[in-house]
Amino acid sequence: MVVLENKVKELNDDSIIKKVFSNLKWIANYDASPEGRIWVVWDQTKVEFENNTKFIIGGVYGMHTIQDKKALWEDLRGTMVGISGPSLIMGDFNTILSSEDIVQGNAVQEIEVRDFKGFILDAGLAELRIVGRKFIWTNNHVHNRIDRILVNAEWIQKWPAMEGLIVNPGFSDHCPLSITFDDNNQAGRRPFKFLNGLAQHKDFDDTAKQCWVKGKQGNAMLKVRNKLKMLKGDLK
């Protein structure tokens, strides 16, 4: 579990966490934020890893200014590029990806959206599909979607059918985001999802060219369909 914006001073954190979460293990980011923006809490008796499956999950809280966000994107970009294996980052990124992510409120600057999109592209991430309500944060006037779940290609390959769930907010102005690990639901054919990071692979151009010189039968649209189908198989 990742708890954001708890605003508990470090002096009081241990007593409050023990009161709220009993005997769960936890870590926090007080070294980076004295106000305690992020807690990561887990139950060692329930968290089990089978078949040596390893993955990385990170919690994010984005600050409000463009400059602070630029620093965050650079830090996360460097971290994600250096990671191998299934990885997920989720939380309050405090920015949107399109105008459809907000109703009412102040207009978001184009540079802010462009920086966020650039980070996702450069880090080779994709947004995990989430189900539930459309907007995740509200003050009863403004409604927006600033909380997200981002995953890398290895995560999608490992859990291709996984979805995120938007949970009812209760007393919070944010809706919690939840994911469930269930290998039983991963059976069957894996859907193909093209990630922008694939285009950066050293063999991508040659693979695409080889597929494009094949599949010459049929009309123009059938040729394109056959070429894309072959390319999809090779990229998998």
C-alpha atoms as a PDB file:
ATOM      1  CA  MET A   1       0.000   0.000   0.000  1.00  0.00           C
ATOM      2  CA  VAL A   2       1.240   3.490  -0.882  1.00  0.00           C
ATOM      3  CA  VAL A   3      -0.127   6.376   1.215  1.00  0.00           C
ATOM      4  CA  LEU A   4       0.322   9.861  -0.254  1.00  0.00           C
ATOM      5  CA  GLU A   5       0.123  13.315   1.324  1.00  0.00           C
ATOM      6  CA  ASN A   6      -0.207  12.005   4.859  1.00  0.00           C
ATOM      7  CA  LYS A   7       1.412  15.221   6.184  1.00  0.00           C
ATOM      8  CA  VAL A   8       2.540  13.505   9.368  1.00  0.00           C
ATOM      9  CA  LYS A   9       5.742  14.867  10.887  1.00  0.00           C
ATOM     10  CA  GLU A  10       8.605  12.404  11.215  1.00  0.00           C
ATOM     11  CA  LEU A  11       8.501  12.834  14.991  1.00  0.00           C
ATOM     12  CA  ASN A  12       5.021  11.280  15.090  1.00  0.00           C
ATOM     13  CA  ASP A  13       5.200   8.801  12.229  1.00  0.00           C
ATOM     14  CA  ASP A  14       6.037   5.620  14.118  1.00  0.00           C
ATOM     15  CA  SER A  15       3.272   5.957  16.703  1.00  0.00           C
ATOM     16  CA  ILE A  16       0.626   6.864  14.113  1.00  0.00           C
ATOM     17  CA  ILE A  17       1.586   4.099  11.681  1.00  0.00           C
ATOM     18  CA  LYS A  18       1.518   1.523  14.475  1.00  0.00           C
ATOM     19  CA  LYS A  19      -1.906   2.791  15.543  1.00  0.00           C
ATOM     20  CA  VAL A  20      -3.365   2.783  12.021  1.00  0.00           C
ATOM     21  CA  PHE A  21      -1.549  -0.165  10.441  1.00  0.00           C
ATOM     22  CA  SER A  22      -0.821  -2.288  13.502  1.00  0.00           C
ATOM     23  CA  ASN A  23       2.303  -4.429  12.929  1.00  0.00           C
ATOM     24  CA  LEU A  24       2.826  -3.758   9.227  1.00  0.00           C
ATOM     25  CA  LYS A  25       6.270  -2.923   7.877  1.00  0.00           C
ATOM     26  CA  TRP A  26       6.776   0.517   6.355  1.00  0.00           C
ATOM     27  CA  ILE A  27       9.203   2.978   4.821  1.00  0.00           C
ATOM     28  CA  ALA A  28       8.823   6.703   4.137  1.00  0.00           C
ATOM     29  CA  ASN A  29      10.495   9.496   2.186  1.00  0.00           C
ATOM     30  CA  TYR A  30      11.277  11.878   5.050  1.00  0.00           C
ATOM     31  CA  ASP A  31      14.815  12.319   3.731  1.00  0.00           C
ATOM     32  CA  ALA A  32      13.357  13.982   0.628  1.00  0.00           C
ATOM     33  CA  SER A  33      10.310  15.602   2.239  1.00  0.00           C
ATOM     34  CA  PRO A  34      10.178  16.498   5.956  1.00  0.00           C
ATOM     35  CA  GLU A  35       6.373  16.598   5.727  1.00  0.00           C
ATOM     36  CA  GLY A  36       6.224  12.919   4.849  1.00  0.00           C
ATOM     37  CA  ARG A  37       4.638  12.868   1.411  1.00  0.00           C
ATOM     38  CA  ILE A  38       4.878   9.103   0.810  1.00  0.00           C
ATOM     39  CA  TRP A  39       4.515   6.031   3.008  1.00  0.00           C
ATOM     40  CA  VAL A  40       4.917   2.514   1.627  1.00  0.00           C
ATOM     41  CA  VAL A  41       3.264  -0.057   3.904  1.00  0.00           C
ATOM     42  CA  TRP A  42       3.102  -3.855   3.536  1.00  0.00           C
ATOM     43  CA  ASP A  43       2.145  -6.982   5.457  1.00  0.00           C
ATOM     44  CA  GLN A  44       5.006  -9.483   5.492  1.00  0.00           C
ATOM     45  CA  THR A  45       2.609 -12.315   6.355  1.00  0.00           C
ATOM     46  CA  LYS A  46       0.542 -11.759   3.188  1.00  0.00           C
ATOM     47  CA  VAL A  47       3.076 -10.614   0.616  1.00  0.00           C
ATOM     48  CA  GLU A  48       4.361 -13.774  -1.045  1.00  0.00           C
ATOM     49  CA  PHE A  49       6.534 -14.187  -4.109  1.00  0.00           C
ATOM     50  CA  GLU A  50       6.408 -17.426  -6.041  1.00  0.00           C
ATOM     51  CA  ASN A  51       8.772 -18.794  -8.704  1.00  0.00           C
ATOM     52  CA  ASN A  52      11.311 -16.083  -7.932  1.00  0.00           C
ATOM     53  CA  THR A  53       9.112 -13.454  -9.576  1.00  0.00           C
ATOM     54  CA  LYS A  54      10.676 -10.057  -9.091  1.00  0.00           C
ATOM     55  CA  PHE A  55       9.154  -6.694  -9.849  1.00  0.00           C
ATOM     56  CA  ILE A  56       9.436  -3.078  -8.807  1.00  0.00           C
ATOM     57  CA  ILE A  57       6.574  -0.876  -7.606  1.00  0.00           C
ATOM     58  CA  GLY A  58       7.072   2.814  -6.913  1.00  0.00           C
ATOM     59  CA  GLY A  59       4.827   5.472  -5.397  1.00  0.00           C
ATOM     60  CA  VAL A  60       4.834   9.010  -6.827  1.00  0.00           C
ATOM     61  CA  TYR A  61       3.698  12.349  -5.496  1.00  0.00           C
ATOM     62  CA  GLY A  62       4.214  15.200  -7.953  1.00  0.00           C
ATOM     63  CA  MET A  63       4.670  18.724  -6.670  1.00  0.00           C
ATOM     64  CA  HIS A  64       2.680  21.631  -8.078  1.00  0.00           C
ATOM     65  CA  THR A  65       5.208  23.806  -9.919  1.00  0.00           C
ATOM     66  CA  ILE A  66       6.475  23.109 -13.420  1.00  0.00           C
ATOM     67  CA  GLN A  67      10.104  23.275 -12.299  1.00  0.00           C
ATOM     68  CA  ASP A  68       9.546  20.778  -9.495  1.00  0.00           C
ATOM     69  CA  LYS A  69       7.841  18.454 -11.947  1.00  0.00           C
ATOM     70  CA  LYS A  70      10.697  18.774 -14.440  1.00  0.00           C
ATOM     71  CA  ALA A  71      13.093  17.626 -11.722  1.00  0.00           C
ATOM     72  CA  LEU A  72      10.780  14.710 -10.892  1.00  0.00           C
ATOM     73  CA  TRP A  73      10.506  13.618 -14.531  1.00  0.00           C
ATOM     74  CA  GLU A  74      14.288  13.711 -14.922  1.00  0.00           C
ATOM     75  CA  ASP A  75      14.790  11.677 -11.757  1.00  0.00           C
ATOM     76  CA  LEU A  76      12.155   9.105 -12.709  1.00  0.00           C
ATOM     77  CA  ARG A  77      13.410   8.922 -16.289  1.00  0.00           C
ATOM     78  CA  GLY A  78      16.916   8.062 -15.115  1.00  0.00           C
ATOM     79  CA  THR A  79      15.566   5.498 -12.671  1.00  0.00           C
ATOM     80  CA  MET A  80      13.261   3.735 -15.138  1.00  0.00           C
ATOM     81  CA  VAL A  81      15.832   3.586 -17.942  1.00  0.00           C
ATOM     82  CA  GLY A  82      18.237   1.785 -15.602  1.00  0.00           C
ATOM     83  CA  ILE A  83      15.693  -0.840 -14.515  1.00  0.00           C
ATOM     84  CA  SER A  84      15.302  -4.307 -16.003  1.00  0.00           C
ATOM     85  CA  GLY A  85      12.276  -6.463 -15.249  1.00  0.00           C
ATOM     86  CA  PRO A  86       8.601  -5.668 -14.618  1.00  0.00           C
ATOM     87  CA  SER A  87       8.187  -2.181 -13.133  1.00  0.00           C
ATOM     88  CA  LEU A  88       5.199  -0.051 -12.131  1.00  0.00           C
ATOM     89  CA  ILE A  89       4.887   3.472 -10.784  1.00  0.00           C
ATOM     90  CA  MET A  90       1.591   4.819  -9.526  1.00  0.00           C
ATOM     91  CA  GLY A  91       0.276   7.742  -7.555  1.00  0.00           C
ATOM     92  CA  ASP A  92      -0.546  11.430  -7.801  1.00  0.00           C
ATOM     93  CA  PHE A  93       1.467  12.874 -10.702  1.00  0.00           C
ATOM     94  CA  ASN A  94      -0.321  16.220 -10.285  1.00  0.00           C
ATOM     95  CA  THR A  95      -0.665  16.783 -14.017  1.00  0.00           C
ATOM     96  CA  ILE A  96      -2.886  15.635 -16.864  1.00  0.00           C
ATOM     97  CA  LEU A  97      -2.236  14.182 -20.318  1.00  0.00           C
ATOM     98  CA  SER A  98      -5.084  15.824 -22.253  1.00  0.00           C
ATOM     99  CA  SER A  99      -7.926  18.306 -21.918  1.00  0.00           C
ATOM    100  CA  GLU A 100     -10.296  15.358 -21.414  1.00  0.00           C
ATOM    101  CA  ASP A 101      -8.651  14.713 -18.034  1.00  0.00           C
ATOM    102  CA  ILE A 102     -10.155  17.812 -16.391  1.00  0.00           C
ATOM    103  CA  VAL A 103     -13.531  19.477 -15.970  1.00  0.00           C
ATOM    104  CA  GLN A 104     -13.641  23.079 -14.718  1.00  0.00           C
ATOM    105  CA  GLY A 105     -10.533  24.490 -13.042  1.00  0.00           C
ATOM    106  CA  ASN A 106      -7.667  26.513 -14.458  1.00  0.00           C
ATOM    107  CA  ALA A 107      -6.253  25.724 -17.864  1.00  0.00           C
ATOM    108  CA  VAL A 108      -3.148  23.543 -17.772  1.00  0.00           C
ATOM    109  CA  GLN A 109      -0.073  24.918 -19.522  1.00  0.00           C
ATOM    110  CA  GLU A 110       0.921  23.108 -22.701  1.00  0.00           C
ATOM    111  CA  ILE A 111       4.552  22.805 -21.588  1.00  0.00           C
ATOM    112  CA  GLU A 112       3.438  20.947 -18.454  1.00  0.00           C
ATOM    113  CA  VAL A 113       1.529  18.345 -20.466  1.00  0.00           C
ATOM    114  CA  ARG A 114       4.356  18.091 -23.020  1.00  0.00           C
ATOM    115  CA  ASP A 115       6.931  17.437 -20.300  1.00  0.00           C
ATOM    116  CA  PHE A 116       4.811  14.660 -18.799  1.00  0.00           C
ATOM    117  CA  LYS A 117       4.211  13.012 -22.172  1.00  0.00           C
ATOM    118  CA  GLY A 118       7.921  13.286 -22.949  1.00  0.00           C
ATOM    119  CA  PHE A 119       8.835  11.551 -19.721  1.00  0.00           C
ATOM    120  CA  ILE A 120       6.421   8.664 -20.408  1.00  0.00           C
ATOM    121  CA  LEU A 121       7.812   8.257 -23.927  1.00  0.00           C
ATOM    122  CA  ASP A 122      11.480   8.483 -22.940  1.00  0.00           C
ATOM    123  CA  ALA A 123      11.047   6.066 -20.038  1.00  0.00           C
ATOM    124  CA  GLY A 124       9.314   3.498 -22.266  1.00  0.00           C
ATOM    125  CA  LEU A 125       6.152   3.470 -20.141  1.00  0.00           C
ATOM    126  CA  ALA A 126       2.467   3.004 -20.928  1.00  0.00           C
ATOM    127  CA  GLU A 127      -0.635   3.734 -18.894  1.00  0.00           C
ATOM    128  CA  LEU A 128      -2.284   0.683 -17.375  1.00  0.00           C
ATOM    129  CA  ARG A 129      -5.978   0.510 -18.200  1.00  0.00           C
ATOM    130  CA  ILE A 130      -8.067   1.412 -15.177  1.00  0.00           C
ATOM    131  CA  VAL A 131     -11.749   0.688 -14.608  1.00  0.00           C
ATOM    132  CA  GLY A 132     -14.231   2.628 -12.537  1.00  0.00           C
ATOM    133  CA  ARG A 133     -15.112   6.293 -12.496  1.00  0.00           C
ATOM    134  CA  LYS A 134     -13.529   8.659 -15.023  1.00  0.00           C
ATOM    135  CA  PHE A 135     -12.183  11.302 -12.635  1.00  0.00           C
ATOM    136  CA  ILE A 136     -10.031  10.448  -9.644  1.00  0.00           C
ATOM    137  CA  TRP A 137      -9.752  13.765  -7.756  1.00  0.00           C
ATOM    138  CA  THR A 138     -12.334  16.419  -6.984  1.00  0.00           C
ATOM    139  CA  ASN A 139     -13.028  19.321  -4.666  1.00  0.00           C
ATOM    140  CA  ASN A 140     -16.707  19.166  -5.652  1.00  0.00           C
ATOM    141  CA  HIS A 141     -16.104  21.858  -8.255  1.00  0.00           C
ATOM    142  CA  VAL A 142     -13.076  20.734 -10.255  1.00  0.00           C
ATOM    143  CA  HIS A 143     -12.871  17.117 -11.413  1.00  0.00           C
ATOM    144  CA  ASN A 144      -9.666  15.722 -12.883  1.00  0.00           C
ATOM    145  CA  ARG A 145      -7.521  12.690 -13.490  1.00  0.00           C
ATOM    146  CA  ILE A 146      -4.075  13.336 -12.055  1.00  0.00           C
ATOM    147  CA  ASP A 147      -3.529   9.897 -10.490  1.00  0.00           C
ATOM    148  CA  ARG A 148      -2.262   7.177 -12.821  1.00  0.00           C
ATOM    149  CA  ILE A 149      -0.647   3.767 -13.064  1.00  0.00           C
ATOM    150  CA  LEU A 150       2.298   3.550 -15.468  1.00  0.00           C
ATOM    151  CA  VAL A 151       4.041   0.294 -16.400  1.00  0.00           C
ATOM    152  CA  ASN A 152       6.937  -0.772 -18.609  1.00  0.00           C
ATOM    153  CA  ALA A 153       6.943  -3.337 -21.422  1.00  0.00           C
ATOM    154  CA  GLU A 154       8.165  -6.147 -19.163  1.00  0.00           C
ATOM    155  CA  TRP A 155       5.204  -5.605 -16.835  1.00  0.00           C
ATOM    156  CA  ILE A 156       2.727  -5.838 -19.731  1.00  0.00           C
ATOM    157  CA  GLN A 157       4.415  -9.006 -20.981  1.00  0.00           C
ATOM    158  CA  LYS A 158       4.207 -10.574 -17.517  1.00  0.00           C
ATOM    159  CA  TRP A 159       0.624  -9.492 -16.733  1.00  0.00           C
ATOM    160  CA  PRO A 160      -0.977  -8.612 -20.097  1.00  0.00           C
ATOM    161  CA  ALA A 161      -4.573  -8.703 -18.828  1.00  0.00           C
ATOM    162  CA  MET A 162      -4.032  -6.709 -15.638  1.00  0.00           C
ATOM    163  CA  GLU A 163      -6.253  -3.701 -14.986  1.00  0.00           C
ATOM    164  CA  GLY A 164      -6.194  -1.045 -12.318  1.00  0.00           C
ATOM    165  CA  LEU A 165      -9.279  -0.359 -10.211  1.00  0.00           C
ATOM    166  CA  ILE A 166     -10.494   3.051  -9.062  1.00  0.00           C
ATOM    167  CA  VAL A 167     -11.792   2.598  -5.505  1.00  0.00           C
ATOM    168  CA  ASN A 168     -14.434   4.799  -3.905  1.00  0.00           C
ATOM    169  CA  PRO A 169     -12.719   7.688  -2.102  1.00  0.00           C
ATOM    170  CA  GLY A 170     -14.420   7.548   1.293  1.00  0.00           C
ATOM    171  CA  PHE A 171     -13.202  10.572   3.268  1.00  0.00           C
ATOM    172  CA  SER A 172     -10.414  11.528   0.807  1.00  0.00           C
ATOM    173  CA  ASP A 173     -10.582  13.895  -2.154  1.00  0.00           C
ATOM    174  CA  HIS A 174      -8.578  11.302  -4.130  1.00  0.00           C
ATOM    175  CA  CYS A 175      -9.874   7.903  -5.231  1.00  0.00           C
ATOM    176  CA  PRO A 176      -7.398   5.163  -4.294  1.00  0.00           C
ATOM    177  CA  LEU A 177      -5.965   3.079  -7.137  1.00  0.00           C
ATOM    178  CA  SER A 178      -5.676  -0.672  -6.733  1.00  0.00           C
ATOM    179  CA  ILE A 179      -4.093  -3.552  -8.650  1.00  0.00           C
ATOM    180  CA  THR A 180      -4.524  -7.282  -8.100  1.00  0.00           C
ATOM    181  CA  PHE A 181      -2.047 -10.022  -8.983  1.00  0.00           C
ATOM    182  CA  ASP A 182      -3.897 -13.052 -10.315  1.00  0.00           C
ATOM    183  CA  ASP A 183      -2.018 -15.325 -12.690  1.00  0.00           C
ATOM    184  CA  ASN A 184      -5.192 -17.377 -13.216  1.00  0.00           C
ATOM    185  CA  ASN A 185      -6.664 -14.473 -15.176  1.00  0.00           C
ATOM    186  CA  GLN A 186      -3.647 -14.194 -17.455  1.00  0.00           C
ATOM    187  CA  ALA A 187      -4.402 -17.335 -19.460  1.00  0.00           C
ATOM    188  CA  GLY A 188      -5.214 -17.274 -23.158  1.00  0.00           C
ATOM    189  CA  ARG A 189      -3.789 -15.219 -25.992  1.00  0.00           C
ATOM    190  CA  ARG A 190      -1.897 -12.143 -24.920  1.00  0.00           C
ATOM    191  CA  PRO A 191      -3.123  -8.894 -26.497  1.00  0.00           C
ATOM    192  CA  PHE A 192      -0.502  -6.949 -28.417  1.00  0.00           C
ATOM    193  CA  LYS A 193       0.185  -3.402 -27.314  1.00  0.00           C
ATOM    194  CA  PHE A 194       2.699  -1.249 -29.165  1.00  0.00           C
ATOM    195  CA  LEU A 195       4.931   0.770 -26.861  1.00  0.00           C
ATOM    196  CA  ASN A 196       6.801   3.768 -28.223  1.00  0.00           C
ATOM    197  CA  GLY A 197       9.948   2.380 -26.642  1.00  0.00           C
ATOM    198  CA  LEU A 198       9.914  -0.493 -29.163  1.00  0.00           C
ATOM    199  CA  ALA A 199      10.861   1.963 -31.910  1.00  0.00           C
ATOM    200  CA  GLN A 200      14.108   2.648 -30.044  1.00  0.00           C
ATOM    201  CA  HIS A 201      15.171  -1.011 -30.110  1.00  0.00           C
ATOM    202  CA  LYS A 202      18.295  -1.605 -32.219  1.00  0.00           C
ATOM    203  CA  ASP A 203      16.557  -4.256 -34.361  1.00  0.00           C
ATOM    204  CA  PHE A 204      13.265  -2.405 -34.874  1.00  0.00           C
ATOM    205  CA  ASP A 205      14.045  -0.788 -38.245  1.00  0.00           C
ATOM    206  CA  ASP A 206      15.403  -4.001 -39.787  1.00  0.00           C
ATOM    207  CA  THR A 207      12.458  -6.040 -38.482  1.00  0.00           C
ATOM    208  CA  ALA A 208       9.936  -3.549 -39.867  1.00  0.00           C
ATOM    209  CA  LYS A 209      11.673  -3.433 -43.279  1.00  0.00           C
ATOM    210  CA  GLN A 210      11.771  -7.222 -43.561  1.00  0.00           C
ATOM    211  CA  CYS A 211       8.029  -7.482 -42.832  1.00  0.00           C
ATOM    212  CA  TRP A 212       7.194  -4.662 -45.227  1.00  0.00           C
ATOM    213  CA  VAL A 213       8.713  -6.369 -48.276  1.00  0.00           C
ATOM    214  CA  LYS A 214       6.501  -9.423 -47.667  1.00  0.00           C
ATOM    215  CA  GLY A 215       2.726  -9.858 -47.886  1.00  0.00           C
ATOM    216  CA  LYS A 216       2.267  -8.542 -51.437  1.00  0.00           C
ATOM    217  CA  GLN A 217      -0.934 -10.448 -52.221  1.00  0.00           C
ATOM    218  CA  GLY A 218      -4.387  -8.832 -52.279  1.00  0.00           C
ATOM    219  CA  ASN A 219      -5.547  -5.241 -52.593  1.00  0.00           C
ATOM    220  CA  ALA A 220      -3.774  -2.279 -51.013  1.00  0.00           C
ATOM    221  CA  MET A 221      -5.568  -2.449 -47.645  1.00  0.00           C
ATOM    222  CA  LEU A 222      -5.157  -6.231 -47.404  1.00  0.00           C
ATOM    223  CA  LYS A 223      -1.434  -5.848 -48.070  1.00  0.00           C
ATOM    224  CA  VAL A 224      -1.121  -3.328 -45.244  1.00  0.00           C
ATOM    225  CA  ARG A 225      -3.117  -5.597 -42.909  1.00  0.00           C
ATOM    226  CA  ASN A 226      -0.905  -8.597 -43.677  1.00  0.00           C
ATOM    227  CA  LYS A 227       2.291  -6.592 -43.221  1.00  0.00           C
ATOM    228  CA  LEU A 228       1.145  -5.265 -39.849  1.00  0.00           C
ATOM    229  CA  LYS A 229       0.085  -8.747 -38.758  1.00  0.00           C
ATOM    230  CA  MET A 230       3.529 -10.156 -39.572  1.00  0.00           C
ATOM    231  CA  LEU A 231       5.220  -7.231 -37.860  1.00  0.00           C
ATOM    232  CA  LYS A 232       3.126  -7.744 -34.724  1.00  0.00           C
ATOM    233  CA  GLY A 233       4.208 -11.364 -34.541  1.00  0.00           C
ATOM    234  CA  ASP A 234       7.884 -10.489 -34.895  1.00  0.00           C
ATOM    235  CA  LEU A 235       7.704  -7.685 -32.336  1.00  0.00           C
ATOM    236  CA  LYS A 236       6.143 -10.012 -29.754  1.00  0.00           C
END
